[in-house]
N, C-alpha and C. Protein backbone atom coordinates (compact mmCIF):
# COMPACT_ATOMS: atom_id res chain seq x y z
N MET A 1 83.98 95.18 132.70
CA MET A 1 82.82 95.37 132.70
C MET A 1 82.77 97.12 133.22
N THR A 2 83.69 97.18 134.14
CA THR A 2 83.16 98.81 135.16
C THR A 2 83.82 99.39 134.12
N ASP A 3 84.67 99.29 132.81
CA ASP A 3 84.91 100.20 132.28
C ASP A 3 83.98 100.43 131.34
N THR A 4 83.29 99.55 130.54
CA THR A 4 82.19 99.43 129.83
C THR A 4 81.34 100.80 130.32
N LEU A 5 80.50 100.27 131.65
CA LEU A 5 79.30 101.27 132.47
C LEU A 5 79.93 102.71 132.67
N GLN A 6 81.09 102.88 132.91
CA GLN A 6 82.17 104.18 133.14
C GLN A 6 81.64 104.89 131.69
N TRP A 7 82.49 104.33 130.78
CA TRP A 7 82.56 105.09 129.38
C TRP A 7 81.18 105.17 128.85
N THR A 8 79.88 104.34 129.22
CA THR A 8 78.68 104.17 128.54
C THR A 8 78.03 105.39 129.56
N ALA A 9 78.33 105.84 130.63
CA ALA A 9 77.29 106.48 131.56
C ALA A 9 78.44 107.82 131.34
N THR A 10 79.50 107.88 130.86
CA THR A 10 80.12 109.58 130.34
C THR A 10 79.38 109.81 129.28
N ALA A 11 79.78 109.20 128.19
CA ALA A 11 79.60 109.41 126.74
C ALA A 11 77.86 109.82 126.63
N THR A 12 76.77 109.14 127.15
CA THR A 12 75.75 109.35 127.25
C THR A 12 75.31 110.77 127.70
N GLY A 13 75.76 110.77 129.39
CA GLY A 13 75.73 112.13 129.85
C GLY A 13 76.08 113.33 128.91
N VAL A 14 77.14 113.27 128.06
CA VAL A 14 77.72 114.24 127.79
C VAL A 14 76.36 114.26 126.52
N VAL A 15 75.78 113.53 125.88
CA VAL A 15 75.19 113.31 124.72
C VAL A 15 73.96 114.01 125.18
N ALA A 16 73.41 113.34 126.28
CA ALA A 16 72.08 114.20 126.59
C ALA A 16 71.97 115.05 127.11
N ALA A 17 73.48 115.50 128.02
CA ALA A 17 73.36 117.58 128.06
C ALA A 17 73.28 118.49 126.84
N ILE A 18 74.04 117.88 125.89
CA ILE A 18 73.63 118.64 124.55
C ILE A 18 72.41 118.97 124.16
N LEU A 19 71.91 117.50 123.95
CA LEU A 19 70.42 117.84 123.79
C LEU A 19 69.92 118.66 124.15
N VAL A 20 69.86 118.55 125.87
CA VAL A 20 68.80 119.32 126.76
C VAL A 20 69.40 120.60 126.64
N ALA A 21 70.54 121.40 126.41
CA ALA A 21 70.80 122.58 126.52
C ALA A 21 70.77 123.25 125.02
N VAL A 22 70.50 122.38 124.23
CA VAL A 22 70.58 123.41 122.80
C VAL A 22 68.53 123.52 122.97
N HIS A 23 67.77 123.08 123.40
CA HIS A 23 66.78 123.15 123.58
C HIS A 23 65.66 123.52 122.01
N ALA A 24 65.90 122.41 121.70
CA ALA A 24 65.68 122.41 120.17
C ALA A 24 63.87 121.71 120.21
N GLY A 25 63.36 121.91 121.07
CA GLY A 25 62.00 121.59 121.10
C GLY A 25 61.46 120.56 121.85
N ALA A 26 60.22 120.19 122.36
CA ALA A 26 59.60 119.54 123.51
C ALA A 26 60.58 117.89 123.37
N ARG A 27 60.87 117.45 121.87
CA ARG A 27 61.12 116.17 121.55
C ARG A 27 62.34 115.74 121.71
N VAL A 28 63.32 116.88 121.21
CA VAL A 28 64.55 116.99 121.70
C VAL A 28 65.07 116.70 122.83
N THR A 29 64.62 117.55 123.35
CA THR A 29 64.58 117.58 124.91
C THR A 29 64.41 116.29 126.08
N GLY A 30 63.18 116.00 125.72
CA GLY A 30 62.75 114.51 125.84
C GLY A 30 63.70 113.77 125.71
N ILE A 31 64.06 113.55 124.65
CA ILE A 31 65.36 112.52 124.27
C ILE A 31 66.11 112.75 124.68
N GLY A 32 66.54 113.71 124.88
CA GLY A 32 67.57 114.18 126.14
C GLY A 32 67.57 113.33 127.49
N PHE A 33 66.31 113.85 128.19
CA PHE A 33 65.79 112.93 129.30
C PHE A 33 66.17 111.56 128.93
N LEU A 34 65.54 111.09 127.80
CA LEU A 34 65.96 109.47 127.88
C LEU A 34 67.38 109.17 128.33
N ILE A 35 67.82 109.80 127.44
CA ILE A 35 69.38 109.31 127.22
C ILE A 35 70.11 109.68 128.56
N PHE A 36 69.72 110.60 129.40
CA PHE A 36 69.97 110.98 130.91
C PHE A 36 69.91 109.82 131.84
N ILE A 37 68.63 108.99 131.35
CA ILE A 37 68.37 107.62 132.31
C ILE A 37 69.35 106.92 132.05
N VAL A 38 69.50 106.20 130.54
CA VAL A 38 70.64 105.46 130.48
C VAL A 38 72.17 105.72 131.48
N SER A 39 72.51 106.94 131.15
CA SER A 39 73.64 107.38 131.93
C SER A 39 73.39 107.39 133.49
N SER A 40 72.48 107.56 133.87
CA SER A 40 71.88 107.46 135.50
C SER A 40 72.03 106.22 135.52
N VAL A 41 71.49 105.19 135.20
CA VAL A 41 71.30 103.89 135.31
C VAL A 41 72.16 103.26 135.35
N SER A 42 73.36 103.35 134.52
CA SER A 42 74.81 103.43 134.01
C SER A 42 75.86 103.34 135.32
N TRP A 43 75.36 104.96 135.90
CA TRP A 43 76.24 104.97 137.02
C TRP A 43 76.24 104.43 138.07
N VAL A 44 74.44 104.19 138.51
CA VAL A 44 74.18 103.31 139.58
C VAL A 44 74.97 101.99 139.41
N ALA A 45 74.74 101.42 138.44
CA ALA A 45 75.33 100.12 138.26
C ALA A 45 76.84 100.33 138.41
N PHE A 46 77.68 101.11 137.95
CA PHE A 46 79.21 101.12 138.14
C PHE A 46 79.22 101.81 139.62
N GLY A 47 78.29 102.32 140.26
CA GLY A 47 78.51 102.83 141.53
C GLY A 47 78.03 101.59 142.46
N ALA A 48 77.36 100.75 142.14
CA ALA A 48 77.05 99.51 143.39
C ALA A 48 78.27 98.40 143.47
N ILE A 49 78.66 98.05 141.42
CA ILE A 49 79.84 97.16 141.96
C ILE A 49 80.92 97.93 142.09
N GLU A 50 81.34 99.39 142.38
CA GLU A 50 82.65 99.88 142.84
C GLU A 50 82.41 100.37 144.60
N ASP A 51 81.23 100.17 145.16
CA ASP A 51 80.96 100.02 146.12
C ASP A 51 80.88 102.00 146.87
N GLN A 52 80.35 102.46 146.17
CA GLN A 52 80.45 104.00 145.70
C GLN A 52 79.24 104.64 146.06
N HIS A 53 78.78 104.75 147.31
CA HIS A 53 77.31 104.69 147.78
C HIS A 53 76.69 106.10 147.39
N GLY A 54 77.46 106.89 147.28
CA GLY A 54 77.53 108.67 147.58
C GLY A 54 76.87 108.37 145.83
N LEU A 55 77.95 108.08 144.88
CA LEU A 55 77.29 107.65 143.87
C LEU A 55 75.82 107.18 143.26
N VAL A 56 75.39 105.97 143.85
CA VAL A 56 74.41 105.55 143.70
C VAL A 56 73.24 106.32 144.22
N VAL A 57 73.36 106.73 145.40
CA VAL A 57 72.33 107.97 145.75
C VAL A 57 72.30 108.97 144.88
N GLN A 58 73.24 109.74 144.40
CA GLN A 58 72.88 110.84 143.57
C GLN A 58 72.40 110.44 142.09
N ASN A 59 72.62 109.28 141.48
CA ASN A 59 71.85 108.69 140.54
C ASN A 59 70.82 108.24 140.54
N VAL A 60 70.20 107.76 141.41
CA VAL A 60 68.94 107.54 141.61
C VAL A 60 68.10 108.17 141.49
N VAL A 61 68.71 109.43 142.65
CA VAL A 61 67.79 110.60 142.08
C VAL A 61 67.71 111.65 141.03
N LEU A 62 68.51 111.40 140.37
CA LEU A 62 68.52 112.07 138.85
C LEU A 62 67.90 111.09 138.00
N THR A 63 68.06 109.71 138.55
CA THR A 63 66.95 108.95 137.28
C THR A 63 65.37 109.46 137.65
N ALA A 64 64.92 109.81 138.88
CA ALA A 64 63.53 109.98 139.10
C ALA A 64 63.56 111.17 138.55
N ILE A 65 64.45 112.46 138.34
CA ILE A 65 64.21 113.53 138.03
C ILE A 65 64.10 113.35 136.54
N ASN A 66 64.97 112.55 135.77
CA ASN A 66 64.89 112.56 134.40
C ASN A 66 63.73 111.85 134.02
N ILE A 67 63.13 110.62 134.79
CA ILE A 67 61.71 110.56 134.29
C ILE A 67 60.57 111.16 134.27
N PHE A 68 60.88 112.50 135.66
CA PHE A 68 59.99 113.45 135.15
C PHE A 68 60.00 114.22 133.99
N GLY A 69 61.55 114.73 133.43
CA GLY A 69 61.66 115.19 132.57
C GLY A 69 61.28 114.11 131.30
N VAL A 70 61.08 113.31 131.22
CA VAL A 70 60.42 112.47 130.16
C VAL A 70 59.06 112.42 129.95
N TYR A 71 58.43 112.53 131.05
CA TYR A 71 56.85 112.51 131.41
C TYR A 71 56.84 113.91 130.61
N ARG A 72 57.57 115.11 131.16
CA ARG A 72 56.84 116.81 130.87
C ARG A 72 57.28 116.98 129.75
N TYR A 73 58.55 116.30 128.69
CA TYR A 73 58.65 116.79 127.38
C TYR A 73 58.14 115.47 126.43
N LEU A 74 58.15 114.18 126.86
CA LEU A 74 57.57 113.37 125.96
C LEU A 74 56.10 112.71 125.91
N ILE A 75 55.52 112.59 127.13
CA ILE A 75 54.21 112.20 127.37
C ILE A 75 53.38 113.33 127.39
N VAL A 76 53.76 114.41 128.09
CA VAL A 76 52.48 115.52 128.50
C VAL A 76 52.89 116.38 126.88
N GLY A 77 54.02 116.44 126.41
CA GLY A 77 54.40 116.73 125.13
C GLY A 77 55.04 118.44 124.67
N LYS A 78 54.76 118.94 126.29
CA LYS A 78 55.49 120.38 126.09
C LYS A 78 55.71 120.84 127.77
N PRO A 79 56.30 121.49 127.87
CA PRO A 79 56.81 122.19 129.33
C PRO A 79 55.44 123.00 129.73
N PHE A 80 55.26 122.85 130.98
CA PHE A 80 53.84 123.44 131.44
C PHE A 80 54.76 124.22 132.55
N ALA A 81 54.03 125.84 132.63
CA ALA A 81 54.48 126.96 133.42
C ALA A 81 54.05 126.50 134.75
N LEU A 82 55.16 126.82 135.29
CA LEU A 82 54.70 127.00 136.78
C LEU A 82 54.12 128.01 137.36
N LYS A 83 52.85 127.87 138.09
CA LYS A 83 52.06 129.02 138.80
C LYS A 83 52.86 130.23 139.20
N GLY A 84 52.81 131.26 138.19
CA GLY A 84 53.36 132.49 138.84
C GLY A 84 54.47 132.86 137.69
N ARG A 85 54.89 132.05 137.11
CA ARG A 85 56.48 131.68 136.54
C ARG A 85 55.99 131.60 134.86
N ASN A 86 56.08 132.51 134.21
CA ASN A 86 55.96 132.51 132.76
C ASN A 86 54.63 132.06 132.12
N ALA A 87 53.78 132.28 133.58
CA ALA A 87 52.10 132.28 133.21
C ALA A 87 51.65 133.65 132.19
N PRO A 88 50.85 133.30 131.24
CA PRO A 88 50.22 134.37 130.35
C PRO A 88 49.42 135.17 131.20
N ALA A 89 49.72 136.52 131.19
CA ALA A 89 48.97 137.72 131.43
C ALA A 89 47.13 137.36 131.48
N ALA A 90 46.45 137.51 132.83
CA ALA A 90 45.20 137.46 132.66
C ALA A 90 44.58 139.05 131.92
């Protein structure tokens, strides 16, 4: 079971990183964040079974970040500019 979790987490993490890195649009990036959630949850399960508390905490935080990424790219539909950064000139 732990081998399956570990390899699932690894493979999905690699695929997600590629999708986010290519930055091929909001939909592809959002799908990358969805896959990152699968990776993070798999690492949380693996860490819990193997009593790896640091891995669990790290991936709980990463899961929250990835949920925000899904919201930002799939629900809102496009990344929003932070005030003062990449904002259109007035």
